[in-house]
Protein backbone atom coordinates (compact mmCIF):
# COMPACT_ATOMS: atom_id res chain seq x y z
CA MET A 1 -19.34 -40.43 -27.66
CA ALA A 2 -19.38 -38.37 -24.46
CA LYS A 3 -18.90 -40.23 -21.20
CA LYS A 4 -22.03 -40.36 -19.07
CA SER A 5 -21.63 -38.46 -15.81
CA LEU A 6 -21.51 -40.59 -12.71
CA ASN A 7 -24.26 -40.47 -10.13
CA TYR A 8 -23.68 -39.77 -6.45
CA PHE A 9 -23.15 -43.37 -5.38
CA GLU A 10 -20.87 -44.14 -8.33
CA ASN A 11 -18.78 -41.12 -7.40
CA PHE A 12 -18.65 -42.36 -3.83
CA LEU A 13 -17.70 -45.89 -4.87
CA ASN A 14 -14.91 -44.55 -7.10
CA GLY A 15 -13.54 -42.44 -4.24
CA ASN A 16 -14.37 -39.19 -6.01
CA LEU A 17 -16.10 -37.62 -3.01
CA SER A 18 -14.00 -35.92 -0.36
CA LEU A 19 -12.86 -38.05 2.55
CA PRO A 20 -14.87 -36.07 5.14
CA HIS A 21 -17.98 -36.37 2.97
CA SER A 22 -17.43 -40.06 2.28
CA TYR A 23 -16.77 -40.89 5.93
CA TRP A 24 -19.29 -38.69 7.74
CA ILE A 25 -22.16 -38.40 5.25
CA VAL A 26 -22.11 -41.82 3.56
CA GLY A 27 -20.25 -43.82 6.21
CA TRP A 28 -22.26 -42.52 9.16
CA LEU A 29 -25.39 -40.55 8.22
CA ILE A 30 -26.60 -42.54 5.21
CA SER A 31 -25.43 -45.79 6.84
CA PHE A 32 -27.50 -45.04 9.93
CA ALA A 33 -30.59 -44.37 7.81
CA PHE A 34 -29.91 -47.47 5.71
CA GLY A 35 -29.44 -49.69 8.78
CA PHE A 36 -32.57 -48.40 10.49
CA THR A 37 -34.69 -48.77 7.35
CA THR A 38 -33.26 -52.22 6.58
CA ALA A 39 -33.92 -53.47 10.10
CA PHE A 40 -37.46 -52.09 10.06
CA ILE A 41 -38.30 -53.67 6.70
CA SER A 42 -36.62 -56.96 7.60
CA LEU A 43 -38.51 -57.22 10.90
CA THR A 44 -41.79 -56.18 9.30
CA VAL A 45 -41.58 -58.55 6.33
CA THR A 46 -39.85 -61.60 7.80
CA GLY A 47 -40.09 -61.15 11.56
CA SER A 48 -36.33 -61.52 11.94
CA LEU A 49 -33.19 -59.58 11.12
CA ASN A 50 -31.62 -62.27 8.90
CA LEU A 51 -32.52 -60.55 5.62
CA GLY A 52 -31.41 -57.26 7.12
CA TYR A 53 -28.02 -58.69 8.01
CA VAL A 54 -27.46 -59.72 4.39
CA ALA A 55 -28.26 -56.19 3.24
CA ILE A 56 -26.03 -54.69 5.93
CA VAL A 57 -23.06 -56.85 4.89
CA ILE A 58 -23.52 -55.77 1.26
CA TRP A 59 -23.75 -52.13 2.38
CA GLN A 60 -20.62 -52.56 4.52
CA VAL A 61 -18.69 -53.82 1.49
CA PHE A 62 -19.94 -50.82 -0.49
CA ILE A 63 -18.93 -48.22 2.11
CA THR A 64 -15.60 -49.94 2.72
CA ILE A 65 -14.67 -49.60 -0.95
CA GLY A 66 -15.82 -45.98 -1.18
CA ILE A 67 -14.15 -44.77 2.01
CA TRP A 68 -10.96 -46.72 1.27
CA ARG A 69 -10.67 -45.22 -2.23
CA SER A 70 -11.47 -41.75 -0.93
CA SER A 71 -8.75 -42.20 1.70
CA ASP A 72 -6.27 -43.17 -1.01
CA LYS A 73 -7.07 -39.95 -2.92
CA TYR A 74 -7.07 -37.68 0.15
CA LYS A 75 -4.62 -34.78 -0.20
CA GLY A 76 -4.74 -33.54 3.38
CA PRO A 77 -2.82 -34.81 6.40
CA LYS A 78 -2.28 -38.54 5.95
CA TYR A 79 -3.29 -39.38 9.51
CA TRP A 80 -6.93 -38.64 8.55
CA ALA A 81 -6.73 -41.17 5.73
CA TYR A 82 -5.17 -43.74 8.06
CA LEU A 83 -7.77 -43.09 10.77
CA ALA A 84 -10.61 -43.50 8.28
CA LYS A 85 -9.19 -46.87 7.22
CA ILE A 86 -8.75 -47.96 10.83
CA MET A 87 -12.37 -47.04 11.54
CA VAL A 88 -13.51 -49.05 8.51
CA ILE A 89 -11.60 -52.07 9.84
CA LEU A 90 -13.12 -51.57 13.31
CA GLY A 91 -16.54 -51.32 11.67
CA TRP A 92 -15.98 -54.75 10.13
CA ALA A 93 -14.85 -56.15 13.47
CA TYR A 94 -18.01 -54.82 15.11
CA LEU A 95 -20.24 -56.18 12.35
CA LEU A 96 -18.63 -59.60 12.47
CA ALA A 97 -18.97 -59.66 16.25
CA GLU A 98 -22.67 -58.77 15.88
CA LEU A 99 -23.10 -61.62 13.44
CA GLY A 100 -21.39 -63.99 15.87
CA ALA A 101 -18.43 -64.64 13.60
CA PHE A 102 -16.03 -64.31 16.53
């Protein structure tokens, strides 16, 4: 049986997209759209951002895995892979600070 081809987000999650694409398109552009849409829906439906924060944490886990795996597969200068991972860690620090975790 032939293996089913992976969709865009499965390819991202498996680290099969290029590091620049994973970081800038998914990690920034799609994340911005996701965050804006999530906040809008959360505020509209519930009147607070609590539901939105749950979705954002799940999204953050998703992009962390995808960018991390893409960084591991990156064939270019290693400092780009390291910088991408550092930015992912800083993204978590920012998110946790926003949630009041520290």
